Amino acid sequence: MLEGAKSMGAGAATIASAGAAIGIGNVLSSSIHSVARNPSLAKQLFGYAILGFALTEAIASFAPMMAFLISFVFQVR
């Protein structure tokens, strides 16, 4: 029973990947809309978009780390 709960916890930790995909879509969509409204700021907005991608991907990298932590580090006794 505890092994199943551990597997469910690891699976739930990977749900953050879906959230990261939605976040990347939002960053890209906002970047495209901003450049369409004011093309002269495209260079500055590109830097902000890259920062948004990096921070969103940082959250996405925590999901597999937590899944592996739950799966392999926590021992069921």
PDB file of N, CA and C in Angstrom:
ATOM      1  N   MET A   1       0.816  -1.193   0.000  1.00  0.00           N
ATOM      2  CA  MET A   1       0.000   0.000   0.000  1.00  0.00           C
ATOM      3  C   MET A   1       0.863   1.263   0.000  1.00  0.00           C
ATOM      4  N   LEU A   2       1.922   1.264   0.782  1.00  0.00           N
ATOM      5  CA  LEU A   2       2.805   2.430   0.812  1.00  0.00           C
ATOM      6  C   LEU A   2       3.562   2.597  -0.498  1.00  0.00           C
ATOM      7  N   GLU A   3       3.872   1.480  -1.152  1.00  0.00           N
ATOM      8  CA  GLU A   3       4.560   1.573  -2.449  1.00  0.00           C
ATOM      9  C   GLU A   3       3.654   2.241  -3.488  1.00  0.00           C
ATOM     10  N   GLY A   4       2.373   1.917  -3.439  1.00  0.00           N
ATOM     11  CA  GLY A   4       1.422   2.563  -4.344  1.00  0.00           C
ATOM     12  C   GLY A   4       1.279   4.043  -4.058  1.00  0.00           C
ATOM     13  N   ALA A   5       1.266   4.405  -2.799  1.00  0.00           N
ATOM     14  CA  ALA A   5       1.178   5.817  -2.436  1.00  0.00           C
ATOM     15  C   ALA A   5       2.419   6.575  -2.896  1.00  0.00           C
ATOM     16  N   LYS A   6       3.575   5.900  -2.813  1.00  0.00           N
ATOM     17  CA  LYS A   6       4.814   6.528  -3.279  1.00  0.00           C
ATOM     18  C   LYS A   6       4.759   6.755  -4.791  1.00  0.00           C
ATOM     19  N   SER A   7       4.223   5.797  -5.531  1.00  0.00           N
ATOM     20  CA  SER A   7       4.092   5.956  -6.982  1.00  0.00           C
ATOM     21  C   SER A   7       3.104   7.060  -7.335  1.00  0.00           C
ATOM     22  N   MET A   8       2.030   7.146  -6.568  1.00  0.00           N
ATOM     23  CA  MET A   8       1.060   8.214  -6.823  1.00  0.00           C
ATOM     24  C   MET A   8       1.669   9.581  -6.525  1.00  0.00           C
ATOM     25  N   GLY A   9       2.484   9.665  -5.491  1.00  0.00           N
ATOM     26  CA  GLY A   9       3.148  10.927  -5.170  1.00  0.00           C
ATOM     27  C   GLY A   9       4.131  11.343  -6.249  1.00  0.00           C
ATOM     28  N   ALA A  10       4.871  10.369  -6.781  1.00  0.00           N
ATOM     29  CA  ALA A  10       5.811  10.685  -7.853  1.00  0.00           C
ATOM     30  C   ALA A  10       5.069  11.113  -9.110  1.00  0.00           C
ATOM     31  N   GLY A  11       3.945  10.486  -9.390  1.00  0.00           N
ATOM     32  CA  GLY A  11       3.147  10.892 -10.545  1.00  0.00           C
ATOM     33  C   GLY A  11       2.559  12.280 -10.371  1.00  0.00           C
ATOM     34  N   ALA A  12       2.108  12.581  -9.169  1.00  0.00           N
ATOM     35  CA  ALA A  12       1.550  13.909  -8.906  1.00  0.00           C
ATOM     36  C   ALA A  12       2.620  14.990  -9.008  1.00  0.00           C
ATOM     37  N   ALA A  13       3.856  14.647  -8.690  1.00  0.00           N
ATOM     38  CA  ALA A  13       4.944  15.633  -8.779  1.00  0.00           C
ATOM     39  C   ALA A  13       5.235  16.005 -10.230  1.00  0.00           C
ATOM     40  N   THR A  14       4.925  15.121 -11.162  1.00  0.00           N
ATOM     41  CA  THR A  14       5.210  15.414 -12.565  1.00  0.00           C
ATOM     42  C   THR A  14       4.117  16.260 -13.221  1.00  0.00           C
ATOM     43  N   ILE A  15       3.041  16.538 -12.501  1.00  0.00           N
ATOM     44  CA  ILE A  15       1.986  17.397 -13.050  1.00  0.00           C
ATOM     45  C   ILE A  15       2.527  18.805 -13.296  1.00  0.00           C
ATOM     46  N   ALA A  16       3.585  19.170 -12.606  1.00  0.00           N
ATOM     47  CA  ALA A  16       4.186  20.496 -12.813  1.00  0.00           C
ATOM     48  C   ALA A  16       4.681  20.673 -14.238  1.00  0.00           C
ATOM     49  N   SER A  17       4.951  19.577 -14.946  1.00  0.00           N
ATOM     50  CA  SER A  17       5.368  19.690 -16.348  1.00  0.00           C
ATOM     51  C   SER A  17       4.253  20.292 -17.202  1.00  0.00           C
ATOM     52  N   ALA A  18       3.019  19.931 -16.925  1.00  0.00           N
ATOM     53  CA  ALA A  18       1.897  20.512 -17.666  1.00  0.00           C
ATOM     54  C   ALA A  18       1.775  22.000 -17.346  1.00  0.00           C
ATOM     55  N   GLY A  19       1.971  22.352 -16.098  1.00  0.00           N
ATOM     56  CA  GLY A  19       1.929  23.766 -15.726  1.00  0.00           C
ATOM     57  C   GLY A  19       3.040  24.566 -16.387  1.00  0.00           C
ATOM     58  N   ALA A  20       4.213  23.951 -16.502  1.00  0.00           N
ATOM     59  CA  ALA A  20       5.321  24.641 -17.167  1.00  0.00           C
ATOM     60  C   ALA A  20       5.029  24.838 -18.647  1.00  0.00           C
ATOM     61  N   ALA A  21       4.394  23.857 -19.276  1.00  0.00           N
ATOM     62  CA  ALA A  21       4.041  24.008 -20.689  1.00  0.00           C
ATOM     63  C   ALA A  21       3.033  25.133 -20.884  1.00  0.00           C
ATOM     64  N   ILE A  22       2.080  25.233 -19.989  1.00  0.00           N
ATOM     65  CA  ILE A  22       1.101  26.326 -20.064  1.00  0.00           C
ATOM     66  C   ILE A  22       1.801  27.670 -19.835  1.00  0.00           C
ATOM     67  N   GLY A  23       2.740  27.705 -18.890  1.00  0.00           N
ATOM     68  CA  GLY A  23       3.479  28.937 -18.622  1.00  0.00           C
ATOM     69  C   GLY A  23       4.312  29.385 -19.808  1.00  0.00           C
ATOM     70  N   ILE A  24       4.963  28.447 -20.482  1.00  0.00           N
ATOM     71  CA  ILE A  24       5.758  28.800 -21.662  1.00  0.00           C
ATOM     72  C   ILE A  24       4.852  29.327 -22.769  1.00  0.00           C
ATOM     73  N   GLY A  25       3.692  28.711 -22.926  1.00  0.00           N
ATOM     74  CA  GLY A  25       2.739  29.212 -23.916  1.00  0.00           C
ATOM     75  C   GLY A  25       2.284  30.623 -23.603  1.00  0.00           C
ATOM     76  N   ASN A  26       2.058  30.904 -22.332  1.00  0.00           N
ATOM     77  CA  ASN A  26       1.651  32.261 -21.940  1.00  0.00           C
ATOM     78  C   ASN A  26       2.759  33.277 -22.188  1.00  0.00           C
ATOM     79  N   VAL A  27       3.996  32.904 -21.893  1.00  0.00           N
ATOM     80  CA  VAL A  27       5.120  33.819 -22.128  1.00  0.00           C
ATOM     81  C   VAL A  27       5.255  34.119 -23.615  1.00  0.00           C
ATOM     82  N   LEU A  28       5.181  33.087 -24.446  1.00  0.00           N
ATOM     83  CA  LEU A  28       5.319  33.287 -25.888  1.00  0.00           C
ATOM     84  C   LEU A  28       4.153  34.109 -26.435  1.00  0.00           C
ATOM     85  N   SER A  29       2.953  33.820 -25.988  1.00  0.00           N
ATOM     86  CA  SER A  29       1.781  34.562 -26.450  1.00  0.00           C
ATOM     87  C   SER A  29       1.878  36.044 -26.070  1.00  0.00           C
ATOM     88  N   SER A  30       2.278  36.306 -24.833  1.00  0.00           N
ATOM     89  CA  SER A  30       2.412  37.703 -24.393  1.00  0.00           C
ATOM     90  C   SER A  30       3.515  38.422 -25.148  1.00  0.00           C
ATOM     91  N   SER A  31       4.588  37.697 -25.433  1.00  0.00           N
ATOM     92  CA  SER A  31       5.689  38.302 -26.190  1.00  0.00           C
ATOM     93  C   SER A  31       5.244  38.679 -27.608  1.00  0.00           C
ATOM     94  N   ILE A  32       4.522  37.786 -28.253  1.00  0.00           N
ATOM     95  CA  ILE A  32       4.046  38.068 -29.614  1.00  0.00           C
ATOM     96  C   ILE A  32       3.073  39.246 -29.618  1.00  0.00           C
ATOM     97  N   HIS A  33       2.166  39.281 -28.653  1.00  0.00           N
ATOM     98  CA  HIS A  33       1.211  40.383 -28.586  1.00  0.00           C
ATOM     99  C   HIS A  33       1.912  41.713 -28.305  1.00  0.00           C
ATOM    100  N   SER A  34       2.920  41.691 -27.444  1.00  0.00           N
ATOM    101  CA  SER A  34       3.630  42.924 -27.110  1.00  0.00           C
ATOM    102  C   SER A  34       4.401  43.466 -28.302  1.00  0.00           C
ATOM    103  N   VAL A  35       5.056  42.573 -29.030  1.00  0.00           N
ATOM    104  CA  VAL A  35       5.813  43.024 -30.207  1.00  0.00           C
ATOM    105  C   VAL A  35       4.857  43.495 -31.293  1.00  0.00           C
ATOM    106  N   ALA A  36       3.691  42.886 -31.408  1.00  0.00           N
ATOM    107  CA  ALA A  36       2.711  43.330 -32.402  1.00  0.00           C
ATOM    108  C   ALA A  36       2.187  44.722 -32.066  1.00  0.00           C
ATOM    109  N   ARG A  37       2.058  45.031 -30.783  1.00  0.00           N
ATOM    110  CA  ARG A  37       1.569  46.354 -30.388  1.00  0.00           C
ATOM    111  C   ARG A  37       2.636  47.436 -30.523  1.00  0.00           C
ATOM    112  N   ASN A  38       3.894  47.085 -30.203  1.00  0.00           N
ATOM    113  CA  ASN A  38       4.964  48.082 -30.225  1.00  0.00           C
ATOM    114  C   ASN A  38       6.244  47.435 -30.756  1.00  0.00           C
ATOM    115  N   PRO A  39       6.420  47.395 -32.062  1.00  0.00           N
ATOM    116  CA  PRO A  39       7.591  46.729 -32.644  1.00  0.00           C
ATOM    117  C   PRO A  39       8.927  47.362 -32.269  1.00  0.00           C
ATOM    118  N   SER A  40       8.929  48.616 -31.874  1.00  0.00           N
ATOM    119  CA  SER A  40      10.201  49.261 -31.534  1.00  0.00           C
ATOM    120  C   SER A  40      10.798  48.710 -30.241  1.00  0.00           C
ATOM    121  N   LEU A  41      10.007  48.056 -29.415  1.00  0.00           N
ATOM    122  CA  LEU A  41      10.504  47.470 -28.163  1.00  0.00           C
ATOM    123  C   LEU A  41      10.829  45.988 -28.290  1.00  0.00           C
ATOM    124  N   ALA A  42      10.906  45.488 -29.507  1.00  0.00           N
ATOM    125  CA  ALA A  42      11.096  44.046 -29.710  1.00  0.00           C
ATOM    126  C   ALA A  42      12.382  43.544 -29.062  1.00  0.00           C
ATOM    127  N   LYS A  43      13.453  44.313 -29.159  1.00  0.00           N
ATOM    128  CA  LYS A  43      14.738  43.866 -28.610  1.00  0.00           C
ATOM    129  C   LYS A  43      14.671  43.767 -27.080  1.00  0.00           C
ATOM    130  N   GLN A  44      14.074  44.741 -26.429  1.00  0.00           N
ATOM    131  CA  GLN A  44      13.953  44.715 -24.970  1.00  0.00           C
ATOM    132  C   GLN A  44      12.990  43.615 -24.521  1.00  0.00           C
ATOM    133  N   LEU A  45      11.901  43.445 -25.236  1.00  0.00           N
ATOM    134  CA  LEU A  45      10.926  42.419 -24.872  1.00  0.00           C
ATOM    135  C   LEU A  45      11.481  41.020 -25.057  1.00  0.00           C
ATOM    136  N   PHE A  46      12.401  40.848 -26.010  1.00  0.00           N
ATOM    137  CA  PHE A  46      13.011  39.539 -26.207  1.00  0.00           C
ATOM    138  C   PHE A  46      13.782  39.115 -24.966  1.00  0.00           C
ATOM    139  N   GLY A  47      14.481  40.030 -24.342  1.00  0.00           N
ATOM    140  CA  GLY A  47      15.204  39.714 -23.107  1.00  0.00           C
ATOM    141  C   GLY A  47      14.267  39.302 -21.984  1.00  0.00           C
ATOM    142  N   TYR A  48      13.145  40.005 -21.887  1.00  0.00           N
ATOM    143  CA  TYR A  48      12.157  39.640 -20.866  1.00  0.00           C
ATOM    144  C   TYR A  48      11.543  38.278 -21.160  1.00  0.00           C
ATOM    145  N   ALA A  49      11.324  37.988 -22.436  1.00  0.00           N
ATOM    146  CA  ALA A  49      10.753  36.690 -22.805  1.00  0.00           C
ATOM    147  C   ALA A  49      11.720  35.559 -22.467  1.00  0.00           C
ATOM    148  N   ILE A  50      13.006  35.757 -22.723  1.00  0.00           N
ATOM    149  CA  ILE A  50      13.999  34.734 -22.385  1.00  0.00           C
ATOM    150  C   ILE A  50      14.047  34.526 -20.874  1.00  0.00           C
ATOM    151  N   LEU A  51      13.954  35.590 -20.104  1.00  0.00           N
ATOM    152  CA  LEU A  51      13.915  35.458 -18.650  1.00  0.00           C
ATOM    153  C   LEU A  51      12.677  34.686 -18.203  1.00  0.00           C
ATOM    154  N   GLY A  52      11.540  34.967 -18.819  1.00  0.00           N
ATOM    155  CA  GLY A  52      10.314  34.237 -18.501  1.00  0.00           C
ATOM    156  C   GLY A  52      10.423  32.762 -18.829  1.00  0.00           C
ATOM    157  N   PHE A  53      11.031  32.439 -19.982  1.00  0.00           N
ATOM    158  CA  PHE A  53      11.241  31.038 -20.344  1.00  0.00           C
ATOM    159  C   PHE A  53      12.151  30.357 -19.333  1.00  0.00           C
ATOM    160  N   ALA A  54      13.222  31.027 -18.949  1.00  0.00           N
ATOM    161  CA  ALA A  54      14.184  30.420 -18.023  1.00  0.00           C
ATOM    162  C   ALA A  54      13.552  30.143 -16.663  1.00  0.00           C
ATOM    163  N   LEU A  55      12.788  31.088 -16.149  1.00  0.00           N
ATOM    164  CA  LEU A  55      12.160  30.877 -14.849  1.00  0.00           C
ATOM    165  C   LEU A  55      11.091  29.792 -14.902  1.00  0.00           C
ATOM    166  N   THR A  56      10.363  29.725 -16.015  1.00  0.00           N
ATOM    167  CA  THR A  56       9.351  28.677 -16.164  1.00  0.00           C
ATOM    168  C   THR A  56       9.999  27.308 -16.280  1.00  0.00           C
ATOM    169  N   GLU A  57      11.089  27.219 -17.020  1.00  0.00           N
ATOM    170  CA  GLU A  57      11.790  25.942 -17.152  1.00  0.00           C
ATOM    171  C   GLU A  57      12.457  25.526 -15.842  1.00  0.00           C
ATOM    172  N   ALA A  58      12.825  26.488 -15.014  1.00  0.00           N
ATOM    173  CA  ALA A  58      13.393  26.134 -13.707  1.00  0.00           C
ATOM    174  C   ALA A  58      12.357  25.406 -12.861  1.00  0.00           C
ATOM    175  N   ILE A  59      11.121  25.862 -12.914  1.00  0.00           N
ATOM    176  CA  ILE A  59      10.047  25.176 -12.200  1.00  0.00           C
ATOM    177  C   ILE A  59       9.838  23.787 -12.790  1.00  0.00           C
ATOM    178  N   ALA A  60       9.917  23.688 -14.117  1.00  0.00           N
ATOM    179  CA  ALA A  60       9.730  22.381 -14.769  1.00  0.00           C
ATOM    180  C   ALA A  60      10.840  21.408 -14.407  1.00  0.00           C
ATOM    181  N   SER A  61      12.039  21.905 -14.117  1.00  0.00           N
ATOM    182  CA  SER A  61      13.127  20.996 -13.757  1.00  0.00           C
ATOM    183  C   SER A  61      12.994  20.466 -12.333  1.00  0.00           C
ATOM    184  N   PHE A  62      12.208  21.153 -11.501  1.00  0.00           N
ATOM    185  CA  PHE A  62      11.997  20.655 -10.142  1.00  0.00           C
ATOM    186  C   PHE A  62      11.050  19.458 -10.112  1.00  0.00           C
ATOM    187  N   ALA A  63      10.171  19.337 -11.090  1.00  0.00           N
ATOM    188  CA  ALA A  63       9.189  18.253 -11.095  1.00  0.00           C
ATOM    189  C   ALA A  63       9.858  16.874 -11.190  1.00  0.00           C
ATOM    190  N   PRO A  64      10.750  16.614 -12.159  1.00  0.00           N
ATOM    191  CA  PRO A  64      11.401  15.294 -12.173  1.00  0.00           C
ATOM    192  C   PRO A  64      12.290  15.076 -10.957  1.00  0.00           C
ATOM    193  N   MET A  65      12.888  16.153 -10.463  1.00  0.00           N
ATOM    194  CA  MET A  65      13.736  16.015  -9.287  1.00  0.00           C
ATOM    195  C   MET A  65      12.904  15.544  -8.083  1.00  0.00           C
ATOM    196  N   MET A  66      11.743  16.118  -7.895  1.00  0.00           N
ATOM    197  CA  MET A  66      10.889  15.693  -6.791  1.00  0.00           C
ATOM    198  C   MET A  66      10.349  14.286  -7.012  1.00  0.00           C
ATOM    199  N   ALA A  67      10.043  13.946  -8.276  1.00  0.00           N
ATOM    200  CA  ALA A  67       9.560  12.588  -8.552  1.00  0.00           C
ATOM    201  C   ALA A  67      10.643  11.556  -8.239  1.00  0.00           C
ATOM    202  N   PHE A  68      11.885  11.832  -8.624  1.00  0.00           N
ATOM    203  CA  PHE A  68      12.979  10.904  -8.311  1.00  0.00           C
ATOM    204  C   PHE A  68      13.240  10.862  -6.809  1.00  0.00           C
ATOM    205  N   LEU A  69      13.117  11.984  -6.158  1.00  0.00           N
ATOM    206  CA  LEU A  69      13.307  12.024  -4.711  1.00  0.00           C
ATOM    207  C   LEU A  69      12.268  11.162  -4.007  1.00  0.00           C
ATOM    208  N   ILE A  70      11.020  11.302  -4.422  1.00  0.00           N
ATOM    209  CA  ILE A  70       9.956  10.495  -3.825  1.00  0.00           C
ATOM    210  C   ILE A  70      10.163   9.021  -4.141  1.00  0.00           C
ATOM    211  N   SER A  71      10.563   8.718  -5.376  1.00  0.00           N
ATOM    212  CA  SER A  71      10.660   7.326  -5.812  1.00  0.00           C
ATOM    213  C   SER A  71      11.847   6.586  -5.209  1.00  0.00           C
ATOM    214  N   PHE A  72      13.014   7.233  -5.159  1.00  0.00           N
ATOM    215  CA  PHE A  72      14.225   6.505  -4.824  1.00  0.00           C
ATOM    216  C   PHE A  72      14.840   6.835  -3.462  1.00  0.00           C
ATOM    217  N   VAL A  73      14.579   8.008  -2.935  1.00  0.00           N
ATOM    218  CA  VAL A  73      15.228   8.392  -1.688  1.00  0.00           C
ATOM    219  C   VAL A  73      14.415   7.960  -0.479  1.00  0.00           C
ATOM    220  N   PHE A  74      13.108   8.206  -0.535  1.00  0.00           N
ATOM    221  CA  PHE A  74      12.264   7.830   0.597  1.00  0.00           C
ATOM    222  C   PHE A  74      12.056   6.320   0.601  1.00  0.00           C
ATOM    223  N   GLN A  75      12.486   5.675   1.643  1.00  0.00           N
ATOM    224  CA  GLN A  75      12.392   4.217   1.740  1.00  0.00           C
ATOM    225  C   GLN A  75      11.112   3.836   2.470  1.00  0.00           C
ATOM    226  N   VAL A  76      10.434   2.827   1.936  1.00  0.00           N
ATOM    227  CA  VAL A  76       9.246   2.285   2.586  1.00  0.00           C
ATOM    228  C   VAL A  76       9.694   1.187   3.509  1.00  0.00           C
ATOM    229  N   ARG A  77       9.341   1.297   4.779  1.00  0.00           N
ATOM    230  CA  ARG A  77       9.785   0.283   5.759  1.00  0.00           C
ATOM    231  C   ARG A  77       8.668  -0.627   6.140  1.00  0.00           C
TER     232      ARG A  77
END
